[in-house]
Protein backbone atom coordinates (compact mmCIF):
# COMPACT_ATOMS: atom_id res chain seq x y z
CA MET A 1 91.30 79.18 73.06
CA ASN A 2 94.33 78.21 70.77
CA ASP A 3 92.71 77.41 67.39
CA ASN A 4 95.74 74.65 67.51
CA VAL A 5 93.61 72.46 70.01
CA LYS A 6 90.42 72.52 67.94
CA LYS A 7 91.75 70.99 65.01
CA ILE A 8 93.96 68.84 67.43
CA HIS A 9 90.19 67.59 68.85
CA GLU A 10 88.99 67.10 65.61
CA ALA A 11 91.56 65.18 64.20
CA SER A 12 91.46 63.03 67.48
CA MET A 13 87.30 62.59 66.72
CA ASN A 14 87.57 61.28 63.30
CA ILE A 15 90.45 58.76 64.26
CA LEU A 16 89.10 57.42 67.42
CA GLN A 17 85.71 57.08 64.92
CA LYS A 18 87.30 55.95 61.95
CA THR A 19 90.73 54.08 62.50
CA GLY A 20 89.38 52.82 66.56
CA MET A 21 91.74 52.04 69.48
CA LYS A 22 91.85 48.62 70.49
CA PHE A 23 91.39 47.14 73.70
CA TYR A 24 93.38 43.98 74.41
CA HIS A 25 92.08 43.28 77.85
CA PRO A 26 88.70 41.26 77.91
CA ASP A 27 87.44 43.52 80.52
CA ALA A 28 87.66 46.48 78.68
CA VAL A 29 85.86 45.14 75.79
CA ARG A 30 83.28 43.50 77.96
CA ILE A 31 82.81 47.14 79.61
CA LEU A 32 82.53 49.02 76.44
CA LYS A 33 80.36 46.86 74.71
CA SER A 34 78.08 46.74 77.43
CA HIS A 35 78.32 50.79 77.40
CA GLY A 36 77.17 50.66 73.29
CA ILE A 37 80.74 51.38 71.74
CA LYS A 38 80.78 49.71 68.30
CA MET A 39 83.79 46.74 68.60
CA ASP A 40 85.24 45.20 65.62
CA GLU A 41 86.48 42.77 67.50
CA ASN A 42 88.51 44.46 70.02
CA VAL A 43 88.71 47.57 68.19
CA ALA A 44 86.38 50.21 69.71
CA HIS A 45 85.01 53.34 67.62
CA PHE A 46 83.63 55.66 69.08
CA THR A 47 81.81 58.70 67.92
CA GLU A 48 82.48 62.30 69.46
CA ALA A 49 79.04 62.07 71.37
CA GLN A 50 80.10 58.84 72.97
CA ILE A 51 83.82 59.99 73.73
CA MET A 52 82.67 63.33 75.16
CA GLU A 53 79.66 62.17 77.27
CA TRP A 54 82.04 60.29 79.11
CA VAL A 55 85.26 62.53 79.33
CA LYS A 56 82.72 65.16 80.89
CA LYS A 57 82.15 62.55 83.83
CA ALA A 58 86.15 63.22 85.15
CA PRO A 59 86.36 65.71 87.74
CA ALA A 60 88.32 68.86 86.81
CA LYS A 61 90.48 68.04 90.29
CA ALA A 62 92.16 65.04 91.65
CA PRO A 63 92.64 65.23 95.77
CA LEU A 64 95.64 63.06 97.00
CA TYR A 65 95.80 62.57 100.73
CA ALA A 66 99.24 62.27 102.73
CA SER A 67 99.99 61.41 106.34
CA ASP A 68 101.17 64.81 106.58
CA PRO A 69 98.56 66.91 105.89
CA LYS A 70 100.39 70.02 104.60
CA TYR A 71 101.42 67.83 101.73
CA ASP A 72 98.10 67.10 100.58
CA MET A 73 97.27 68.03 97.18
CA GLN A 74 94.51 69.37 94.71
CA ILE A 75 95.83 68.39 91.42
CA GLY A 76 94.17 70.50 88.70
CA GLY A 77 93.16 74.06 87.78
CA ASN A 78 96.23 76.40 88.09
CA SER A 79 97.93 73.98 90.65
CA ARG A 80 101.70 73.14 89.88
CA TYR A 81 103.19 69.88 91.45
CA ASN A 82 106.70 68.66 91.47
CA GLY A 83 106.69 64.58 90.87
CA PRO A 84 109.94 62.19 91.21
CA CYS A 85 111.86 60.67 88.80
CA GLY A 86 111.23 57.24 87.34
CA GLY A 87 112.15 54.56 84.96
CA ALA A 88 116.22 54.60 84.76
CA THR A 89 117.79 51.56 85.51
CA PHE A 90 121.49 52.82 86.00
CA ILE A 91 123.02 55.23 88.53
CA MET A 92 125.48 58.14 86.35
CA ASP A 93 128.31 59.68 87.92
CA THR A 94 129.63 62.94 86.64
CA GLU A 95 132.32 61.61 84.36
CA GLY A 96 129.06 59.61 82.37
CA ARG A 97 130.05 56.27 83.87
CA THR A 98 126.97 54.47 84.74
CA ARG A 99 126.24 51.14 87.31
CA PRO A 100 123.23 49.22 87.98
CA ALA A 101 120.76 51.08 90.06
CA LEU A 102 120.09 49.42 93.54
CA PHE A 103 117.39 49.44 96.01
CA SER A 104 119.80 51.75 98.66
CA ASP A 105 119.22 54.20 95.26
CA PHE A 106 115.95 53.90 95.60
CA ILE A 107 115.55 54.71 98.69
CA LYS A 108 118.31 57.38 98.78
CA LEU A 109 116.21 58.91 95.92
CA LEU A 110 113.29 58.50 98.65
CA LYS A 111 115.29 60.95 100.83
CA LEU A 112 116.08 63.57 98.39
CA PHE A 113 112.79 64.41 97.40
CA GLU A 114 111.24 64.56 101.22
CA GLY A 115 113.76 66.78 102.30
CA ASN A 116 112.85 69.35 99.14
CA PRO A 117 109.80 71.39 100.23
CA SER A 118 108.91 71.96 96.91
CA TYR A 119 107.68 68.40 96.48
CA CYS A 120 104.08 66.88 98.04
CA LEU A 121 104.73 63.75 95.97
CA ASN A 122 106.97 60.97 96.33
CA GLY A 123 107.86 57.56 95.38
CA GLY A 124 106.80 55.64 92.43
CA LEU A 125 109.89 53.98 89.78
CA ALA A 126 112.48 56.39 91.00
CA CYS A 127 114.75 54.08 89.41
CA GLN A 128 114.38 50.02 88.94
CA PRO A 129 116.65 48.58 91.27
CA ASN A 130 118.31 45.75 89.59
CA ASP A 131 119.05 44.12 93.03
CA ILE A 132 115.38 43.02 93.76
CA PRO A 133 112.96 40.74 91.94
CA THR A 134 110.96 42.05 89.00
CA GLU A 135 107.86 40.50 89.71
CA SER A 136 108.48 42.47 93.03
CA TYR A 137 108.85 45.79 91.94
CA ILE A 138 105.41 47.39 92.61
CA THR A 139 105.12 46.07 96.01
CA LEU A 140 108.38 46.56 97.03
CA LEU A 141 108.79 50.32 96.16
CA ALA A 142 105.46 50.74 97.05
CA LEU A 143 106.54 49.44 100.70
CA ALA A 144 110.00 51.53 100.70
CA SER A 145 107.88 54.41 99.47
CA MET A 146 104.88 54.33 102.36
CA LEU A 147 107.65 53.53 105.29
CA HIS A 148 109.91 56.50 104.37
CA THR A 149 107.48 59.62 103.00
CA GLN A 150 104.94 61.32 104.47
CA LYS A 151 104.14 63.19 101.06
CA CYS A 152 101.57 61.77 98.47
CA ILE A 153 102.18 58.42 97.26
CA PHE A 154 103.33 57.77 93.98
CA ALA A 155 103.06 54.37 92.79
CA ALA A 156 104.12 51.84 89.83
CA ALA A 157 101.52 50.50 87.30
CA GLY A 158 100.59 46.70 87.57
CA ASP A 159 98.39 43.21 87.02
CA TYR A 160 95.39 43.25 89.05
CA ASP A 161 96.94 41.27 91.89
CA SER A 162 99.73 43.56 92.41
CA MET A 163 97.06 46.94 92.65
CA GLU A 164 94.91 44.94 95.00
CA THR A 165 97.89 44.42 97.26
CA LEU A 166 98.95 47.75 96.53
CA ILE A 167 95.46 49.07 98.08
CA ARG A 168 95.41 46.51 101.12
CA MET A 169 99.29 48.04 101.99
CA ALA A 170 97.45 51.44 102.16
CA CYS A 171 94.57 50.51 104.17
CA ILE A 172 97.30 49.02 106.66
CA ARG A 173 99.96 51.46 106.61
CA TYR A 174 97.51 54.42 107.05
CA GLY A 175 94.57 52.43 109.37
CA ILE A 176 91.67 53.61 106.71
CA THR A 177 89.45 51.22 105.61
CA VAL A 178 88.78 50.58 101.73
CA GLU A 179 85.54 53.30 102.21
CA GLU A 180 87.97 55.68 104.07
CA LEU A 181 90.23 55.38 101.19
CA LYS A 182 87.79 55.74 98.15
CA GLU A 183 86.81 58.97 99.99
CA LYS A 184 90.46 60.31 100.39
CA PRO A 185 92.63 58.77 97.75
CA ARG A 186 96.12 58.26 99.22
CA ILE A 187 97.54 56.69 95.91
CA CYS A 188 98.12 57.83 92.35
CA THR A 189 99.83 55.83 89.44
CA ILE A 190 100.43 56.31 85.43
CA ALA A 191 98.72 54.23 83.27
CA ASN A 192 100.72 54.77 79.97
CA THR A 193 98.92 53.62 76.40
CA ASN A 194 100.94 52.16 73.51
CA THR A 195 101.31 54.12 70.25
CA PRO A 196 99.72 53.84 68.23
CA LEU A 197 96.14 53.46 69.59
CA TYR A 198 96.14 50.37 71.39
CA LEU A 199 96.03 49.77 75.57
CA ASP A 200 97.51 46.33 76.59
CA LYS A 201 96.14 43.90 79.32
CA ASN A 202 98.68 45.07 82.35
CA MET A 203 97.63 48.79 82.08
CA THR A 204 93.84 48.03 81.61
CA GLU A 205 94.35 46.37 85.06
CA THR A 206 95.81 49.77 86.22
CA VAL A 207 93.37 51.68 85.08
CA LEU A 208 90.17 49.68 86.08
CA THR A 209 91.50 48.94 89.70
CA MET A 210 92.27 52.48 90.11
CA ALA A 211 88.80 53.56 89.01
CA LYS A 212 87.40 50.68 91.24
CA TYR A 213 88.77 52.45 94.24
CA ARG A 214 88.36 55.81 92.86
CA GLN A 215 92.31 56.18 92.89
CA PRO A 216 93.80 59.31 90.71
CA VAL A 217 95.32 57.57 87.39
CA ILE A 218 97.59 59.46 84.95
CA ILE A 219 96.61 58.14 81.65
CA ALA A 220 99.40 58.78 79.47
CA SER A 221 100.85 58.56 75.85
CA ALA A 222 104.72 58.18 75.36
CA ALA A 223 104.58 58.43 71.66
CA MET A 224 107.49 59.35 69.57
CA ALA A 225 107.60 61.69 66.26
CA GLY A 226 108.89 59.82 63.55
CA THR A 227 108.72 56.04 64.86
CA THR A 228 105.74 55.08 67.22
CA ALA A 229 103.96 58.40 65.42
CA PRO A 230 103.38 60.51 62.74
CA VAL A 231 106.79 62.89 62.23
CA THR A 232 104.74 66.26 62.34
CA LEU A 233 103.66 67.09 65.82
CA ALA A 234 100.14 68.08 65.05
CA GLY A 235 99.84 64.17 63.80
CA MET A 236 101.61 62.98 66.44
CA LEU A 237 99.58 64.99 69.04
CA ALA A 238 96.16 63.86 67.54
CA ILE A 239 96.91 60.03 68.24
CA VAL A 240 98.00 60.82 71.52
CA ASN A 241 94.58 62.93 72.13
CA ALA A 242 92.53 60.09 71.03
CA GLU A 243 94.91 57.10 73.14
CA VAL A 244 94.16 59.31 75.77
CA LEU A 245 90.47 60.41 75.73
CA ALA A 246 89.53 56.62 75.09
CA THR A 247 91.44 55.32 78.23
CA ILE A 248 89.24 58.01 80.10
CA ALA A 249 86.37 56.64 78.51
CA LEU A 250 87.00 53.48 79.77
CA ALA A 251 88.17 54.48 83.30
CA GLN A 252 84.37 56.89 83.44
CA MET A 253 82.54 53.52 82.04
CA CYS A 254 84.04 51.73 84.67
CA GLN A 255 83.22 53.85 87.92
CA PRO A 256 81.99 57.20 87.15
CA GLY A 257 84.14 60.14 88.43
CA THR A 258 87.24 58.54 88.76
CA PRO A 259 89.56 61.26 88.88
CA VAL A 260 92.04 60.94 86.06
CA ILE A 261 95.07 63.03 84.91
CA TYR A 262 95.63 63.69 81.23
CA GLY A 263 98.87 62.50 80.59
CA SER A 264 101.60 62.76 77.68
CA GLN A 265 105.69 61.98 78.04
CA SER A 266 105.31 62.08 74.06
CA THR A 267 108.39 63.64 72.35
CA ASN A 268 110.21 62.69 69.01
CA ALA A 269 112.83 60.57 67.69
CA ASP A 270 116.23 61.39 66.94
CA MET A 271 115.67 60.79 62.74
CA ALA A 272 119.40 60.21 62.52
CA THR A 273 119.78 57.39 64.89
CA GLY A 274 115.88 56.59 65.82
CA ALA A 275 116.75 57.05 69.99
CA ILE A 276 114.55 59.15 71.60
CA ALA A 277 115.25 62.73 72.20
CA VAL A 278 113.56 63.85 75.73
CA GLY A 279 115.26 66.76 75.87
CA SER A 280 114.34 68.36 72.31
CA PRO A 281 112.45 71.57 71.84
CA GLU A 282 109.37 69.34 69.98
CA GLY A 283 109.33 67.44 73.30
CA ALA A 284 108.67 70.90 74.81
CA LEU A 285 106.13 71.71 72.74
CA SER A 286 104.45 68.26 73.16
CA TYR A 287 104.23 69.09 77.07
CA LYS A 288 102.87 72.30 76.23
CA TYR A 289 100.00 70.89 74.14
CA CYS A 290 99.52 68.11 76.65
CA ALA A 291 98.37 71.38 79.01
CA GLU A 292 96.13 72.87 76.41
CA MET A 293 94.43 69.58 75.54
CA ALA A 294 93.83 68.56 79.24
CA LYS A 295 92.50 72.47 80.25
CA PHE A 296 90.19 71.94 76.81
CA TYR A 297 88.76 68.85 78.39
CA GLY A 298 88.41 70.41 81.82
CA ILE A 299 90.67 67.40 83.21
CA PRO A 300 94.36 68.03 85.36
CA SER A 301 97.21 67.47 83.40
CA ARG A 302 100.93 65.83 83.58
CA ALA A 303 103.88 65.73 81.39
CA GLY A 304 107.29 66.89 81.13
CA GLY A 305 110.21 67.06 83.87
CA SER A 306 113.75 68.31 83.18
CA LEU A 307 115.08 66.28 81.00
CA SER A 308 117.79 65.49 78.98
CA ASP A 309 119.89 63.30 76.50
CA ALA A 310 123.01 64.03 77.83
CA LYS A 311 125.71 61.44 78.08
CA SER A 312 127.30 63.10 81.21
CA PHE A 313 126.69 65.79 83.45
CA ASN A 314 127.29 68.99 81.28
CA THR A 315 126.10 71.67 79.97
CA GLN A 316 123.59 69.77 77.48
CA ALA A 317 121.63 68.69 80.50
CA GLY A 318 121.50 72.06 81.99
CA TYR A 319 119.77 73.56 78.89
CA GLU A 320 117.53 70.73 77.66
CA SER A 321 116.41 70.33 81.20
CA MET A 322 115.67 74.26 81.60
CA MET A 323 114.06 74.45 78.45
CA THR A 324 111.70 71.24 78.83
CA CYS A 325 111.09 72.56 82.78
CA MET A 326 110.19 76.07 81.39
CA ALA A 327 107.79 74.60 78.96
CA CYS A 328 105.94 72.63 81.50
CA LYS A 329 105.87 75.38 84.11
CA GLU A 330 104.76 78.13 81.79
CA SER A 331 101.75 76.19 80.27
CA GLY A 332 100.44 75.22 83.76
CA ILE A 333 100.92 71.69 84.12
CA ASN A 334 99.73 70.34 86.94
CA ILE A 335 101.64 67.71 87.89
CA MET A 336 105.41 67.73 86.49
CA THR A 337 107.15 64.22 86.76
CA GLN A 338 110.40 63.52 86.01
CA SER A 339 111.09 66.43 87.36
CA ALA A 340 114.90 66.00 88.57
CA GLY A 341 117.51 63.31 88.16
CA ILE A 342 116.95 61.76 84.37
CA ILE A 343 119.80 61.78 82.29
CA ASN A 344 120.90 60.03 78.93
CA SER A 345 117.19 59.58 77.95
CA TYR A 346 115.87 58.22 80.86
CA LEU A 347 118.07 55.39 81.44
CA ALA A 348 120.12 56.64 83.91
CA VAL A 349 119.87 59.18 87.14
CA SER A 350 122.48 61.53 88.11
CA TYR A 351 122.23 62.52 92.02
CA GLU A 352 124.38 65.83 90.71
CA LYS A 353 121.84 66.47 87.94
CA LEU A 354 119.16 65.81 90.52
CA ILE A 355 120.38 68.62 92.96
CA THR A 356 121.12 70.92 89.98
CA ASP A 357 117.38 70.01 89.03
CA PHE A 358 116.40 71.26 92.35
CA GLU A 359 118.12 74.49 91.68
CA ILE A 360 116.14 74.74 87.87
CA LEU A 361 112.75 74.10 89.77
CA ASP A 362 113.31 76.88 92.08
CA PHE A 363 114.95 79.34 89.26
CA THR A 364 111.46 78.90 87.35
CA GLU A 365 109.29 78.84 90.54
CA ARG A 366 110.70 82.07 91.11
CA TYR A 367 110.54 83.39 87.53
CA ILE A 368 106.61 81.80 87.18
CA ARG A 369 106.06 83.92 90.62
CA ASP A 370 105.91 86.92 88.55
CA ILE A 371 106.56 90.38 90.64
CA GLU A 372 103.84 92.36 92.48
CA VAL A 373 103.58 95.51 91.83
CA ASN A 374 102.46 97.79 94.73
CA ALA A 375 103.55 101.30 97.14
CA ASP A 376 105.44 98.97 98.92
CA THR A 377 107.63 97.27 95.98
CA ILE A 378 107.84 100.74 94.24
CA PRO A 379 109.33 102.78 97.63
CA LEU A 380 109.18 106.02 95.59
CA ASP A 381 109.83 108.10 98.96
CA LEU A 382 112.95 105.59 99.43
CA ILE A 383 113.82 106.39 95.38
CA ASP A 384 113.68 110.03 96.02
CA GLU A 385 115.60 110.05 99.15
CA VAL A 386 118.57 108.06 97.66
CA GLY A 387 118.01 110.60 94.95
CA HIS A 388 121.14 110.37 91.89
CA ALA A 389 124.43 108.47 92.98
CA GLY A 390 123.23 107.21 96.34
CA GLN A 391 123.24 103.08 97.30
CA TYR A 392 120.16 100.67 98.22
CA LEU A 393 122.23 98.23 100.52
CA ILE A 394 121.74 99.27 103.90
CA GLU A 395 118.59 100.87 103.64
CA GLU A 396 115.68 99.14 105.49
CA HIS A 397 113.84 98.17 103.11
CA THR A 398 116.20 96.43 101.34
CA LEU A 399 116.68 94.54 104.71
CA GLU A 400 112.82 93.71 104.81
CA PHE A 401 112.48 92.92 101.21
CA CYS A 402 115.48 90.69 99.93
CA ARG A 403 114.59 87.50 101.19
CA LYS A 404 111.02 87.17 100.12
CA GLU A 405 112.09 89.05 96.81
CA LEU A 406 115.36 87.47 95.46
CA PHE A 407 116.02 83.98 95.46
CA ALA A 408 119.38 82.87 96.81
CA PRO A 409 120.47 79.80 95.01
CA HIS A 410 122.24 76.66 96.44
CA VAL A 411 123.96 75.36 94.00
CA SER A 412 124.50 78.46 91.31
CA VAL A 413 128.14 80.35 91.72
CA ARG A 414 128.57 84.35 92.14
CA GLY A 415 130.57 86.55 92.61
CA ALA A 416 134.95 86.36 92.53
CA ILE A 417 135.48 83.16 93.23
CA ALA A 418 138.97 81.52 92.59
CA ASN A 419 138.21 78.09 91.82
CA PRO A 420 134.57 78.40 90.60
CA ALA A 421 133.94 74.97 88.79
CA GLU A 422 135.63 73.45 92.02
CA GLN A 423 133.43 75.46 94.39
CA PHE A 424 130.53 74.57 92.50
CA ASP A 425 131.02 70.95 92.76
CA LYS A 426 131.13 71.55 96.28
CA ASN A 427 127.97 73.59 96.50
CA ILE A 428 126.14 70.35 95.19
CA GLU A 429 127.82 68.07 97.47
CA LYS A 430 126.84 70.44 100.90
CA GLN A 431 123.35 70.88 99.42
CA THR A 432 122.99 66.75 98.97
CA ALA A 433 124.19 66.11 102.75
CA ARG A 434 122.33 69.05 103.87
CA LEU A 435 119.12 67.13 102.73
CA LEU A 436 119.79 63.83 103.29
CA GLU A 437 120.73 65.06 107.15
CA ALA A 438 117.47 66.65 107.33
CA TYR A 439 115.92 63.74 106.54
CA LYS A 440 113.81 62.22 109.00
CA LYS A 441 112.32 58.91 108.81
CA PRO A 442 107.99 58.90 109.59
CA GLU A 443 107.15 56.83 112.45
CA VAL A 444 105.34 53.68 112.34
CA SER A 445 104.19 51.38 114.70
CA ALA A 446 105.59 47.77 115.43
CA GLU A 447 102.07 46.70 114.70
CA VAL A 448 101.70 48.35 111.09
CA LEU A 449 104.57 46.98 110.04
CA LYS A 450 103.84 43.51 111.16
CA ASP A 451 100.85 43.47 109.47
CA LEU A 452 102.87 44.89 106.11
CA LYS A 453 105.24 42.05 106.34
CA THR A 454 102.80 39.38 107.16
CA LEU A 455 100.68 40.41 103.92
CA LEU A 456 103.64 40.67 101.60
CA LEU A 457 104.92 37.10 102.93
CA GLY A 458 101.32 36.27 102.11
CA GLN A 459 102.40 36.98 98.24
CA ASN A 460 105.28 35.00 98.29
CA ILE A 461 107.67 38.25 98.61
CA GLU A 462 111.37 36.95 100.46
CA GLU A 463 111.06 38.55 103.85
CA THR A 464 114.93 39.43 102.99
CA TYR A 465 113.69 42.22 100.81
CA ILE A 466 110.98 43.45 102.81
CA ASP A 467 113.94 44.02 105.68
CA MET A 468 115.55 45.83 102.93
CA ALA A 469 112.33 48.51 102.72
CA ILE A 470 111.72 48.00 106.68
CA ASP A 471 114.92 48.89 108.05
CA SER A 472 116.66 51.12 105.55
């Protein structure tokens, strides 16, 4: 075990016992009190024994089921899944110009993630459209996701009413009962803690509803070293760990065995500007330690992505994204959300960056796969036959292995090209078109569509917006 992990754990236990974790929701306070947690009004003070008793009830794997079984997920262990981007309010072009994200952008992103076989998870808050009502985000984006993907459903967090509606939507869409949903979970979401050391009402309602229906919930901190947390990474990680563990304990008290995922999107603040620095080496280290801490507690992990603070689609966007992606892949993060498209510190999505991030994912997956060493991959007889001045290009061994051994890029430009910059742009356009052309919308019966529409109309969501999701 990494000695740093043990020290962070011990510091977190000290924080939870001495400083405590604040829970703003009365339901959380009630649950904690009923389980013997010392409360100072709404601040919970946990002993190490109490925290570990409840954290140990969390399962080592969180299953998630898709409408197409080939995309079923077993989150945990050695699994590595990619998750879509999330939270951006703008769409950025190649020159760095931005415009507000639209509902049509959200659906286009769904289609692009759907077309990439590297993904088993789709949906979430891929972008935040400004042409649908904010109060209907959770429901409308979940509706669009359920109608446009056959993969596992990622959803946004919300209050009790929104989350209960989400559960009812899933049962209608997939033709299952609530008990069947509990048995085979269909929805995963993220509940963010607030740094330093509190959980707000909305996120509490997300955690408690997901626990009630035994759907996987990612408990994530998004601390910023130097502003919302100590500037030292060790100090920040101790607070992050305390927040996540306290919230996991709450989920287990609500429903023991609730599938939870240890999450962190924490990084540092830029000390010159106070702005978040998502593409920093400190961010990459934070994602690495998210994986380490999750392994220490025997819980699945979520962190990171292909992240950049770049203000346009440029070299910075490439090297920062490769670093943060590789940190997640090498450390064994089970779900790497924000895996493609995010630029300008979460503020925007770039379609061009999304396609190049897909390439980064392929590059890193090939690296992680490593090499296979055996008599077939070291062809001693062929090496002896070719000798000292021969070539291997036309050998049968090359033909047999070239496609499965060597990754063939979709975007990267190689060889002698007259105008490589122009070719690079064309490759991005071609790959985007290929993914969109290959997209096939899942078949959904008229009866299911009618029932979903009736449900949402009953939630006072305008028919115009429902039809936008259905007809796109």
